[in-house]
Amino acid sequence: MTDRREQDAIRQDVRKRYAEIARAGGSCCSGSKCCSSDAPAKPDASIRLGYAEDDLAAAPEGANLGLGCGNPQAIAALKPGETVLDLGSGGGLDCFLAARQVGDAGRVIGVDMTPEMIGKARANADQGGYGNVEFRLGEIEHLPVADSSVDVIMSNCVINLSPDKPQVYRDAFRVLRPGGRLAISDVVAIGPLPDDVRGNSAALCGCVAGAIPAEEIEVLLGEIGFVEIAVEVKPESREFIKDWFPGSGLEEYVRSAAITARKAPPRSCCSSSPSSADAARRR
């Protein structure tokens, strides 16, 4: 665990990098090869991650920044009327896709710590006329969201950037309603990362250096109180990860994964009591 000063330095590096991406209109390369070489707002980059062409075409222009490591929509199973929270919402792509699924009776909240991204996402929402979507400035470790107020939490390749992942998941647990669920695409480590990678700012901002093993995520979620935990590593993700740092070989150390879990509903007041039939038999 890093100390507070180190955590703040990491957040500043990430915030600076993604502010550059927002101003550039896409691509996390910004002068260094820190992400996919085909990322600059090209639909093909997101199609490789599992998004449908029709969905991308329906999103406001500029919302698809070509970022991410998967498609959380594919595992979220969103329903009309649900309240959805997107951690690290960027230009708002996943929020706008979620808004179509939850409908006018539903609500979508995007949280991002980069003011430039929030400004971009809000402009995209205005452009697309999304009245059921809002974007809030904040850190995913300390969400500007009320307790037990959302049904689903999504995130796409963002939690690996946090210097305090346990706090991210603890706060996610706090804001979920009982029975609420996680639907997260993120990068996980499949082997020990070299020391020179762990300390590399570009590799951190490029979604590699901050990755932790799938097994560690499973244990962490269980300790917090989540149930029905699953971390499904995607072997095929090696093919697009190798383009993030061409020629570096970092694709041998990390993979994309689908992370799902549920906040258990409270137990019934009578769940541990004997059934009425059992009671009748004893009388």
C-alpha atoms as a PDB file:
ATOM      1  CA  MET A   1       0.000   0.000   0.000  1.00  0.00           C
ATOM      2  CA  THR A   2       1.391   3.410  -0.961  1.00  0.00           C
ATOM      3  CA  ASP A   3       1.326   6.290   1.499  1.00  0.00           C
ATOM      4  CA  ARG A   4      -0.879   9.335   1.010  1.00  0.00           C
ATOM      5  CA  ARG A   5       1.835  11.441  -0.622  1.00  0.00           C
ATOM      6  CA  GLU A   6       2.578   8.714  -3.169  1.00  0.00           C
ATOM      7  CA  GLN A   7      -1.136   8.225  -3.814  1.00  0.00           C
ATOM      8  CA  ASP A   8      -1.597  11.928  -4.496  1.00  0.00           C
ATOM      9  CA  ALA A   9       1.371  11.916  -6.888  1.00  0.00           C
ATOM     10  CA  ILE A  10      -0.106   8.978  -8.795  1.00  0.00           C
ATOM     11  CA  ARG A  11      -3.487  10.706  -9.049  1.00  0.00           C
ATOM     12  CA  GLN A  12      -1.829  13.867 -10.341  1.00  0.00           C
ATOM     13  CA  ASP A  13      -0.005  11.909 -13.046  1.00  0.00           C
ATOM     14  CA  VAL A  14      -3.206  10.151 -14.111  1.00  0.00           C
ATOM     15  CA  ARG A  15      -5.257  13.364 -14.008  1.00  0.00           C
ATOM     16  CA  LYS A  16      -2.679  15.188 -16.132  1.00  0.00           C
ATOM     17  CA  ARG A  17      -2.519  12.415 -18.722  1.00  0.00           C
ATOM     18  CA  TYR A  18      -6.273  12.098 -19.111  1.00  0.00           C
ATOM     19  CA  ALA A  19      -6.729  15.869 -19.247  1.00  0.00           C
ATOM     20  CA  GLU A  20      -4.415  15.778 -22.259  1.00  0.00           C
ATOM     21  CA  ILE A  21      -6.550  13.039 -23.792  1.00  0.00           C
ATOM     22  CA  ALA A  22      -9.729  15.065 -23.258  1.00  0.00           C
ATOM     23  CA  ARG A  23      -8.199  18.148 -24.845  1.00  0.00           C
ATOM     24  CA  ALA A  24      -6.867  16.100 -27.770  1.00  0.00           C
ATOM     25  CA  GLY A  25     -10.305  14.568 -28.353  1.00  0.00           C
ATOM     26  CA  GLY A  26      -9.097  10.975 -27.956  1.00  0.00           C
ATOM     27  CA  SER A  27      -6.040   8.724 -27.788  1.00  0.00           C
ATOM     28  CA  CYS A  28      -4.104   8.156 -24.601  1.00  0.00           C
ATOM     29  CA  CYS A  29      -0.815   8.308 -26.461  1.00  0.00           C
ATOM     30  CA  SER A  30      -0.253  12.087 -26.162  1.00  0.00           C
ATOM     31  CA  GLY A  31       3.394  11.923 -27.121  1.00  0.00           C
ATOM     32  CA  SER A  32       4.148   8.558 -25.508  1.00  0.00           C
ATOM     33  CA  LYS A  33       3.005   5.068 -26.391  1.00  0.00           C
ATOM     34  CA  CYS A  34       0.898   4.513 -23.297  1.00  0.00           C
ATOM     35  CA  CYS A  35      -2.174   2.968 -24.861  1.00  0.00           C
ATOM     36  CA  SER A  36      -3.569   1.466 -28.003  1.00  0.00           C
ATOM     37  CA  SER A  37      -1.981   2.807 -31.160  1.00  0.00           C
ATOM     38  CA  ASP A  38      -5.402   2.849 -32.832  1.00  0.00           C
ATOM     39  CA  ALA A  39      -7.133   4.587 -29.949  1.00  0.00           C
ATOM     40  CA  PRO A  40      -7.759   8.150 -31.209  1.00  0.00           C
ATOM     41  CA  ALA A  41     -11.552   8.111 -31.319  1.00  0.00           C
ATOM     42  CA  LYS A  42     -11.592   5.448 -34.018  1.00  0.00           C
ATOM     43  CA  PRO A  43     -14.645   3.192 -33.808  1.00  0.00           C
ATOM     44  CA  ASP A  44     -12.494   0.185 -34.737  1.00  0.00           C
ATOM     45  CA  ALA A  45     -10.640   0.457 -31.408  1.00  0.00           C
ATOM     46  CA  SER A  46     -13.871   0.115 -29.431  1.00  0.00           C
ATOM     47  CA  ILE A  47     -15.198  -2.598 -31.731  1.00  0.00           C
ATOM     48  CA  ARG A  48     -12.147  -4.680 -30.840  1.00  0.00           C
ATOM     49  CA  LEU A  49     -13.152  -4.281 -27.195  1.00  0.00           C
ATOM     50  CA  GLY A  50     -16.607  -5.741 -27.811  1.00  0.00           C
ATOM     51  CA  TYR A  51     -18.807  -2.753 -28.628  1.00  0.00           C
ATOM     52  CA  ALA A  52     -21.387  -3.023 -31.387  1.00  0.00           C
ATOM     53  CA  GLU A  53     -21.146  -0.679 -34.360  1.00  0.00           C
ATOM     54  CA  ASP A  54     -24.790   0.363 -33.959  1.00  0.00           C
ATOM     55  CA  ASP A  55     -24.221   1.357 -30.339  1.00  0.00           C
ATOM     56  CA  LEU A  56     -21.159   3.418 -31.197  1.00  0.00           C
ATOM     57  CA  ALA A  57     -22.989   5.116 -34.033  1.00  0.00           C
ATOM     58  CA  ALA A  58     -25.837   6.108 -31.692  1.00  0.00           C
ATOM     59  CA  ALA A  59     -23.537   7.778 -29.127  1.00  0.00           C
ATOM     60  CA  PRO A  60     -22.853  11.529 -29.381  1.00  0.00           C
ATOM     61  CA  GLU A  61     -19.910  12.456 -31.556  1.00  0.00           C
ATOM     62  CA  GLY A  62     -16.807  12.748 -29.380  1.00  0.00           C
ATOM     63  CA  ALA A  63     -18.021  10.369 -26.667  1.00  0.00           C
ATOM     64  CA  ASN A  64     -16.033   7.433 -28.046  1.00  0.00           C
ATOM     65  CA  LEU A  65     -12.426   8.166 -27.147  1.00  0.00           C
ATOM     66  CA  GLY A  66     -11.237   4.692 -28.100  1.00  0.00           C
ATOM     67  CA  LEU A  67     -10.260   3.925 -24.498  1.00  0.00           C
ATOM     68  CA  GLY A  68     -10.909   0.883 -22.321  1.00  0.00           C
ATOM     69  CA  CYS A  69     -10.134  -2.818 -22.135  1.00  0.00           C
ATOM     70  CA  GLY A  70     -13.581  -4.340 -22.589  1.00  0.00           C
ATOM     71  CA  ASN A  71     -17.289  -3.592 -22.703  1.00  0.00           C
ATOM     72  CA  PRO A  72     -18.965  -3.496 -19.264  1.00  0.00           C
ATOM     73  CA  GLN A  73     -22.345  -3.196 -20.990  1.00  0.00           C
ATOM     74  CA  ALA A  74     -21.984  -6.810 -22.075  1.00  0.00           C
ATOM     75  CA  ILE A  75     -21.968  -8.060 -18.478  1.00  0.00           C
ATOM     76  CA  ALA A  76     -24.142  -5.453 -16.758  1.00  0.00           C
ATOM     77  CA  ALA A  77     -27.566  -6.847 -17.824  1.00  0.00           C
ATOM     78  CA  LEU A  78     -29.127  -3.423 -17.301  1.00  0.00           C
ATOM     79  CA  LYS A  79     -32.868  -3.148 -16.835  1.00  0.00           C
ATOM     80  CA  PRO A  80     -35.323  -0.292 -17.414  1.00  0.00           C
ATOM     81  CA  GLY A  81     -35.634   1.979 -14.394  1.00  0.00           C
ATOM     82  CA  GLU A  82     -32.270   1.127 -12.807  1.00  0.00           C
ATOM     83  CA  THR A  83     -29.800   3.660 -11.457  1.00  0.00           C
ATOM     84  CA  VAL A  84     -26.324   3.123 -12.880  1.00  0.00           C
ATOM     85  CA  LEU A  85     -22.982   4.561 -11.743  1.00  0.00           C
ATOM     86  CA  ASP A  86     -19.947   4.640 -14.044  1.00  0.00           C
ATOM     87  CA  LEU A  87     -16.543   4.947 -12.350  1.00  0.00           C
ATOM     88  CA  GLY A  88     -14.117   6.962 -14.441  1.00  0.00           C
ATOM     89  CA  SER A  89     -16.693   7.976 -17.018  1.00  0.00           C
ATOM     90  CA  GLY A  90     -14.352   9.814 -19.402  1.00  0.00           C
ATOM     91  CA  GLY A  91     -16.173  11.194 -22.436  1.00  0.00           C
ATOM     92  CA  GLY A  92     -19.365   9.454 -21.340  1.00  0.00           C
ATOM     93  CA  LEU A  93     -19.649   6.601 -23.855  1.00  0.00           C
ATOM     94  CA  ASP A  94     -20.676   3.906 -21.366  1.00  0.00           C
ATOM     95  CA  CYS A  95     -23.069   6.311 -19.635  1.00  0.00           C
ATOM     96  CA  PHE A  96     -24.860   7.103 -22.874  1.00  0.00           C
ATOM     97  CA  LEU A  97     -25.153   3.447 -23.825  1.00  0.00           C
ATOM     98  CA  ALA A  98     -26.471   2.657 -20.336  1.00  0.00           C
ATOM     99  CA  ALA A  99     -28.996   5.484 -20.581  1.00  0.00           C
ATOM    100  CA  ARG A 100     -30.584   3.836 -23.605  1.00  0.00           C
ATOM    101  CA  GLN A 101     -31.001   0.594 -21.661  1.00  0.00           C
ATOM    102  CA  VAL A 102     -32.419   2.001 -18.418  1.00  0.00           C
ATOM    103  CA  GLY A 103     -34.770   4.357 -20.246  1.00  0.00           C
ATOM    104  CA  ASP A 104     -36.396   7.569 -19.088  1.00  0.00           C
ATOM    105  CA  ALA A 105     -37.381   5.952 -15.794  1.00  0.00           C
ATOM    106  CA  GLY A 106     -33.736   5.131 -15.086  1.00  0.00           C
ATOM    107  CA  ARG A 107     -30.780   7.304 -14.201  1.00  0.00           C
ATOM    108  CA  VAL A 108     -27.071   7.238 -15.022  1.00  0.00           C
ATOM    109  CA  ILE A 109     -24.314   8.978 -13.049  1.00  0.00           C
ATOM    110  CA  GLY A 110     -20.759   9.314 -14.336  1.00  0.00           C
ATOM    111  CA  VAL A 111     -17.902  10.167 -11.959  1.00  0.00           C
ATOM    112  CA  ASP A 112     -14.468  11.289 -13.133  1.00  0.00           C
ATOM    113  CA  MET A 113     -11.659  13.111 -11.337  1.00  0.00           C
ATOM    114  CA  THR A 114     -10.518  15.049 -14.426  1.00  0.00           C
ATOM    115  CA  PRO A 115     -12.326  18.377 -14.927  1.00  0.00           C
ATOM    116  CA  GLU A 116     -11.588  18.314 -18.642  1.00  0.00           C
ATOM    117  CA  MET A 117     -13.288  14.942 -19.008  1.00  0.00           C
ATOM    118  CA  ILE A 118     -16.315  16.088 -17.013  1.00  0.00           C
ATOM    119  CA  GLY A 119     -16.628  19.157 -19.244  1.00  0.00           C
ATOM    120  CA  LYS A 120     -16.364  17.025 -22.361  1.00  0.00           C
ATOM    121  CA  ALA A 121     -18.926  14.486 -21.118  1.00  0.00           C
ATOM    122  CA  ARG A 122     -21.410  17.190 -20.132  1.00  0.00           C
ATOM    123  CA  ALA A 123     -21.095  18.789 -23.566  1.00  0.00           C
ATOM    124  CA  ASN A 124     -21.681  15.391 -25.151  1.00  0.00           C
ATOM    125  CA  ALA A 125     -24.778  14.880 -22.997  1.00  0.00           C
ATOM    126  CA  ASP A 126     -26.169  18.247 -24.061  1.00  0.00           C
ATOM    127  CA  GLN A 127     -25.417  17.446 -27.682  1.00  0.00           C
ATOM    128  CA  GLY A 128     -27.254  14.129 -27.475  1.00  0.00           C
ATOM    129  CA  GLY A 129     -30.147  15.372 -25.339  1.00  0.00           C
ATOM    130  CA  TYR A 130     -29.537  12.880 -22.520  1.00  0.00           C
ATOM    131  CA  GLY A 131     -31.778  14.146 -19.729  1.00  0.00           C
ATOM    132  CA  ASN A 132     -31.290  11.045 -17.564  1.00  0.00           C
ATOM    133  CA  VAL A 133     -27.476  11.292 -17.432  1.00  0.00           C
ATOM    134  CA  GLU A 134     -25.361  13.494 -15.170  1.00  0.00           C
ATOM    135  CA  PHE A 135     -21.618  13.800 -14.601  1.00  0.00           C
ATOM    136  CA  ARG A 136     -19.981  14.558 -11.263  1.00  0.00           C
ATOM    137  CA  LEU A 137     -16.404  15.558 -10.520  1.00  0.00           C
ATOM    138  CA  GLY A 138     -14.845  13.303  -7.898  1.00  0.00           C
ATOM    139  CA  GLU A 139     -12.419  10.525  -7.072  1.00  0.00           C
ATOM    140  CA  ILE A 140     -13.574   6.933  -7.364  1.00  0.00           C
ATOM    141  CA  GLU A 141     -12.134   6.229  -3.897  1.00  0.00           C
ATOM    142  CA  HIS A 142     -14.504   8.830  -2.400  1.00  0.00           C
ATOM    143  CA  LEU A 143     -17.597   8.864  -4.580  1.00  0.00           C
ATOM    144  CA  PRO A 144     -19.899  11.915  -4.560  1.00  0.00           C
ATOM    145  CA  VAL A 145     -22.860   9.545  -4.349  1.00  0.00           C
ATOM    146  CA  ALA A 146     -25.258   8.761  -1.497  1.00  0.00           C
ATOM    147  CA  ASP A 147     -25.238   5.492   0.449  1.00  0.00           C
ATOM    148  CA  SER A 148     -27.288   2.614  -0.986  1.00  0.00           C
ATOM    149  CA  SER A 149     -28.492   4.658  -3.949  1.00  0.00           C
ATOM    150  CA  VAL A 150     -27.425   2.796  -7.116  1.00  0.00           C
ATOM    151  CA  ASP A 151     -28.343  -0.562  -8.625  1.00  0.00           C
ATOM    152  CA  VAL A 152     -25.320  -1.171 -10.856  1.00  0.00           C
ATOM    153  CA  ILE A 153     -21.725   0.042 -10.870  1.00  0.00           C
ATOM    154  CA  MET A 154     -19.811  -0.129 -14.139  1.00  0.00           C
ATOM    155  CA  SER A 155     -16.231   0.782 -14.946  1.00  0.00           C
ATOM    156  CA  ASN A 156     -14.000   0.324 -17.971  1.00  0.00           C
ATOM    157  CA  CYS A 157     -10.254   0.016 -17.381  1.00  0.00           C
ATOM    158  CA  VAL A 158     -10.139   2.624 -14.609  1.00  0.00           C
ATOM    159  CA  ILE A 159      -9.841   0.904 -11.233  1.00  0.00           C
ATOM    160  CA  ASN A 160      -6.341  -0.341 -12.131  1.00  0.00           C
ATOM    161  CA  LEU A 161      -5.305   3.342 -12.209  1.00  0.00           C
ATOM    162  CA  SER A 162      -6.226   3.874  -8.564  1.00  0.00           C
ATOM    163  CA  PRO A 163      -3.451   3.815  -5.952  1.00  0.00           C
ATOM    164  CA  ASP A 164      -5.977   2.604  -3.350  1.00  0.00           C
ATOM    165  CA  LYS A 165      -8.062  -0.150  -4.929  1.00  0.00           C
ATOM    166  CA  PRO A 166      -9.444  -1.497  -1.616  1.00  0.00           C
ATOM    167  CA  GLN A 167     -10.969   1.921  -0.936  1.00  0.00           C
ATOM    168  CA  VAL A 168     -12.502   1.994  -4.443  1.00  0.00           C
ATOM    169  CA  TYR A 169     -14.318  -1.276  -3.807  1.00  0.00           C
ATOM    170  CA  ARG A 170     -15.285  -0.305  -0.247  1.00  0.00           C
ATOM    171  CA  ASP A 171     -16.899   2.884  -1.498  1.00  0.00           C
ATOM    172  CA  ALA A 172     -18.572   0.972  -4.330  1.00  0.00           C
ATOM    173  CA  PHE A 173     -20.074  -1.332  -1.692  1.00  0.00           C
ATOM    174  CA  ARG A 174     -21.273   1.706   0.268  1.00  0.00           C
ATOM    175  CA  VAL A 175     -23.201   3.284  -2.606  1.00  0.00           C
ATOM    176  CA  LEU A 176     -24.756   0.074  -3.941  1.00  0.00           C
ATOM    177  CA  ARG A 177     -28.242  -0.829  -2.842  1.00  0.00           C
ATOM    178  CA  PRO A 178     -28.634  -4.257  -1.231  1.00  0.00           C
ATOM    179  CA  GLY A 179     -28.734  -6.696  -4.114  1.00  0.00           C
ATOM    180  CA  GLY A 180     -26.884  -4.218  -6.341  1.00  0.00           C
ATOM    181  CA  ARG A 181     -24.096  -5.448  -8.578  1.00  0.00           C
ATOM    182  CA  LEU A 182     -20.688  -4.711 -10.086  1.00  0.00           C
ATOM    183  CA  ALA A 183     -20.059  -4.999 -13.839  1.00  0.00           C
ATOM    184  CA  ILE A 184     -16.442  -4.034 -14.407  1.00  0.00           C
ATOM    185  CA  SER A 185     -13.940  -4.422 -17.220  1.00  0.00           C
ATOM    186  CA  ASP A 186     -10.395  -3.961 -15.948  1.00  0.00           C
ATOM    187  CA  VAL A 187      -6.822  -5.076 -16.445  1.00  0.00           C
ATOM    188  CA  VAL A 188      -5.425  -7.765 -14.143  1.00  0.00           C
ATOM    189  CA  ALA A 189      -1.915  -9.107 -13.691  1.00  0.00           C
ATOM    190  CA  ILE A 190      -1.233 -12.683 -14.764  1.00  0.00           C
ATOM    191  CA  GLY A 191       2.344 -12.642 -13.509  1.00  0.00           C
ATOM    192  CA  PRO A 192       4.716 -10.420 -11.474  1.00  0.00           C
ATOM    193  CA  LEU A 193       5.359  -7.147 -13.270  1.00  0.00           C
ATOM    194  CA  PRO A 194       9.003  -6.103 -13.684  1.00  0.00           C
ATOM    195  CA  ASP A 195      10.135  -3.460 -11.196  1.00  0.00           C
ATOM    196  CA  ASP A 196      10.916  -0.965 -13.956  1.00  0.00           C
ATOM    197  CA  VAL A 197       7.321  -1.267 -15.148  1.00  0.00           C
ATOM    198  CA  ARG A 198       5.784  -0.891 -11.688  1.00  0.00           C
ATOM    199  CA  GLY A 199       7.519   2.459 -11.266  1.00  0.00           C
ATOM    200  CA  ASN A 200       6.859   3.739 -14.785  1.00  0.00           C
ATOM    201  CA  SER A 201       4.336   6.582 -14.987  1.00  0.00           C
ATOM    202  CA  ALA A 202       3.494   5.953 -18.655  1.00  0.00           C
ATOM    203  CA  ALA A 203       2.853   2.274 -17.914  1.00  0.00           C
ATOM    204  CA  LEU A 204       0.628   3.259 -14.998  1.00  0.00           C
ATOM    205  CA  CYS A 205      -1.415   5.735 -17.030  1.00  0.00           C
ATOM    206  CA  GLY A 206      -1.470   3.148 -19.819  1.00  0.00           C
ATOM    207  CA  CYS A 207      -3.395   0.690 -17.640  1.00  0.00           C
ATOM    208  CA  VAL A 208      -0.561  -1.791 -17.052  1.00  0.00           C
ATOM    209  CA  ALA A 209       1.578  -0.904 -14.023  1.00  0.00           C
ATOM    210  CA  GLY A 210      -1.350  -0.693 -11.606  1.00  0.00           C
ATOM    211  CA  ALA A 211      -2.786  -4.119 -12.414  1.00  0.00           C
ATOM    212  CA  ILE A 212      -3.170  -6.639  -9.578  1.00  0.00           C
ATOM    213  CA  PRO A 213      -3.840 -10.396  -9.822  1.00  0.00           C
ATOM    214  CA  ALA A 214      -7.371 -11.688 -10.338  1.00  0.00           C
ATOM    215  CA  GLU A 215      -7.061 -13.800  -7.177  1.00  0.00           C
ATOM    216  CA  GLU A 216      -6.266 -10.697  -5.130  1.00  0.00           C
ATOM    217  CA  ILE A 217      -9.392  -8.964  -6.446  1.00  0.00           C
ATOM    218  CA  GLU A 218     -11.546 -11.972  -5.541  1.00  0.00           C
ATOM    219  CA  VAL A 219     -10.206 -12.042  -1.974  1.00  0.00           C
ATOM    220  CA  LEU A 220     -10.590  -8.283  -1.602  1.00  0.00           C
ATOM    221  CA  LEU A 221     -14.210  -8.294  -2.764  1.00  0.00           C
ATOM    222  CA  GLY A 222     -15.033 -11.162  -0.414  1.00  0.00           C
ATOM    223  CA  GLU A 223     -13.478  -9.393   2.573  1.00  0.00           C
ATOM    224  CA  ILE A 224     -15.533  -6.279   1.848  1.00  0.00           C
ATOM    225  CA  GLY A 225     -18.743  -8.305   1.803  1.00  0.00           C
ATOM    226  CA  PHE A 226     -19.523  -8.907  -1.864  1.00  0.00           C
ATOM    227  CA  VAL A 227     -21.004 -12.250  -2.914  1.00  0.00           C
ATOM    228  CA  GLU A 228     -21.350 -14.108  -6.227  1.00  0.00           C
ATOM    229  CA  ILE A 229     -17.838 -12.923  -7.123  1.00  0.00           C
ATOM    230  CA  ALA A 230     -16.363 -13.813 -10.499  1.00  0.00           C
ATOM    231  CA  VAL A 231     -13.213 -12.558 -12.238  1.00  0.00           C
ATOM    232  CA  GLU A 232     -13.127 -13.905 -15.787  1.00  0.00           C
ATOM    233  CA  VAL A 233      -9.751 -13.328 -17.427  1.00  0.00           C
ATOM    234  CA  LYS A 234      -9.930 -12.814 -21.209  1.00  0.00           C
ATOM    235  CA  PRO A 235      -6.996 -14.611 -22.902  1.00  0.00           C
ATOM    236  CA  GLU A 236      -7.865 -13.054 -26.274  1.00  0.00           C
ATOM    237  CA  SER A 237      -7.221  -9.568 -24.860  1.00  0.00           C
ATOM    238  CA  ARG A 238      -3.503 -10.179 -25.395  1.00  0.00           C
ATOM    239  CA  GLU A 239      -4.034  -9.262 -29.041  1.00  0.00           C
ATOM    240  CA  PHE A 240      -5.053  -5.665 -28.357  1.00  0.00           C
ATOM    241  CA  ILE A 241      -2.932  -5.195 -25.232  1.00  0.00           C
ATOM    242  CA  LYS A 242       0.229  -5.832 -27.252  1.00  0.00           C
ATOM    243  CA  ASP A 243      -0.575  -2.669 -29.231  1.00  0.00           C
ATOM    244  CA  TRP A 244      -0.560  -0.498 -26.113  1.00  0.00           C
ATOM    245  CA  PHE A 245       3.236  -0.596 -25.789  1.00  0.00           C
ATOM    246  CA  PRO A 246       4.410  -2.041 -29.115  1.00  0.00           C
ATOM    247  CA  GLY A 247       7.485  -4.228 -28.847  1.00  0.00           C
ATOM    248  CA  SER A 248       7.655  -4.045 -25.044  1.00  0.00           C
ATOM    249  CA  GLY A 249       6.338  -7.543 -24.310  1.00  0.00           C
ATOM    250  CA  LEU A 250       4.035  -6.206 -21.564  1.00  0.00           C
ATOM    251  CA  GLU A 251       1.188  -8.250 -22.997  1.00  0.00           C
ATOM    252  CA  GLU A 252       2.834 -11.251 -21.309  1.00  0.00           C
ATOM    253  CA  TYR A 253       2.046  -9.792 -17.877  1.00  0.00           C
ATOM    254  CA  VAL A 254      -1.538  -8.484 -18.035  1.00  0.00           C
ATOM    255  CA  ARG A 255      -4.953  -9.352 -19.454  1.00  0.00           C
ATOM    256  CA  SER A 256      -8.385  -7.787 -19.555  1.00  0.00           C
ATOM    257  CA  ALA A 257     -10.948  -9.324 -17.199  1.00  0.00           C
ATOM    258  CA  ALA A 258     -14.679  -9.127 -16.547  1.00  0.00           C
ATOM    259  CA  ILE A 259     -15.309  -8.591 -12.823  1.00  0.00           C
ATOM    260  CA  THR A 260     -18.781  -9.207 -11.438  1.00  0.00           C
ATOM    261  CA  ALA A 261     -20.118  -9.350  -7.888  1.00  0.00           C
ATOM    262  CA  ARG A 262     -23.214  -8.527  -5.881  1.00  0.00           C
ATOM    263  CA  LYS A 263     -23.920  -6.748  -2.604  1.00  0.00           C
ATOM    264  CA  ALA A 264     -25.934  -9.280  -0.645  1.00  0.00           C
ATOM    265  CA  PRO A 265     -29.453  -8.198   0.294  1.00  0.00           C
ATOM    266  CA  PRO A 266     -30.165  -8.029   4.022  1.00  0.00           C
ATOM    267  CA  ARG A 267     -31.259 -11.280   5.545  1.00  0.00           C
ATOM    268  CA  SER A 268     -34.942 -11.604   6.333  1.00  0.00           C
ATOM    269  CA  CYS A 269     -35.815 -11.019   9.965  1.00  0.00           C
ATOM    270  CA  CYS A 270     -37.228 -14.528  10.022  1.00  0.00           C
ATOM    271  CA  SER A 271     -34.611 -16.235   7.826  1.00  0.00           C
ATOM    272  CA  SER A 272     -32.936 -17.983  10.737  1.00  0.00           C
ATOM    273  CA  SER A 273     -36.187 -18.873  12.503  1.00  0.00           C
ATOM    274  CA  PRO A 274     -37.764 -22.294  12.183  1.00  0.00           C
ATOM    275  CA  SER A 275     -40.485 -22.578   9.572  1.00  0.00           C
ATOM    276  CA  SER A 276     -44.128 -22.568  10.636  1.00  0.00           C
ATOM    277  CA  ALA A 277     -44.370 -26.221   9.589  1.00  0.00           C
ATOM    278  CA  ASP A 278     -41.439 -27.146  11.813  1.00  0.00           C
ATOM    279  CA  ALA A 279     -42.973 -25.203  14.683  1.00  0.00           C
ATOM    280  CA  ALA A 280     -46.319 -26.954  14.191  1.00  0.00           C
ATOM    281  CA  ARG A 281     -44.642 -30.371  14.287  1.00  0.00           C
ATOM    282  CA  ARG A 282     -43.035 -29.541  17.621  1.00  0.00           C
ATOM    283  CA  ARG A 283     -46.322 -28.456  19.199  1.00  0.00           C
END
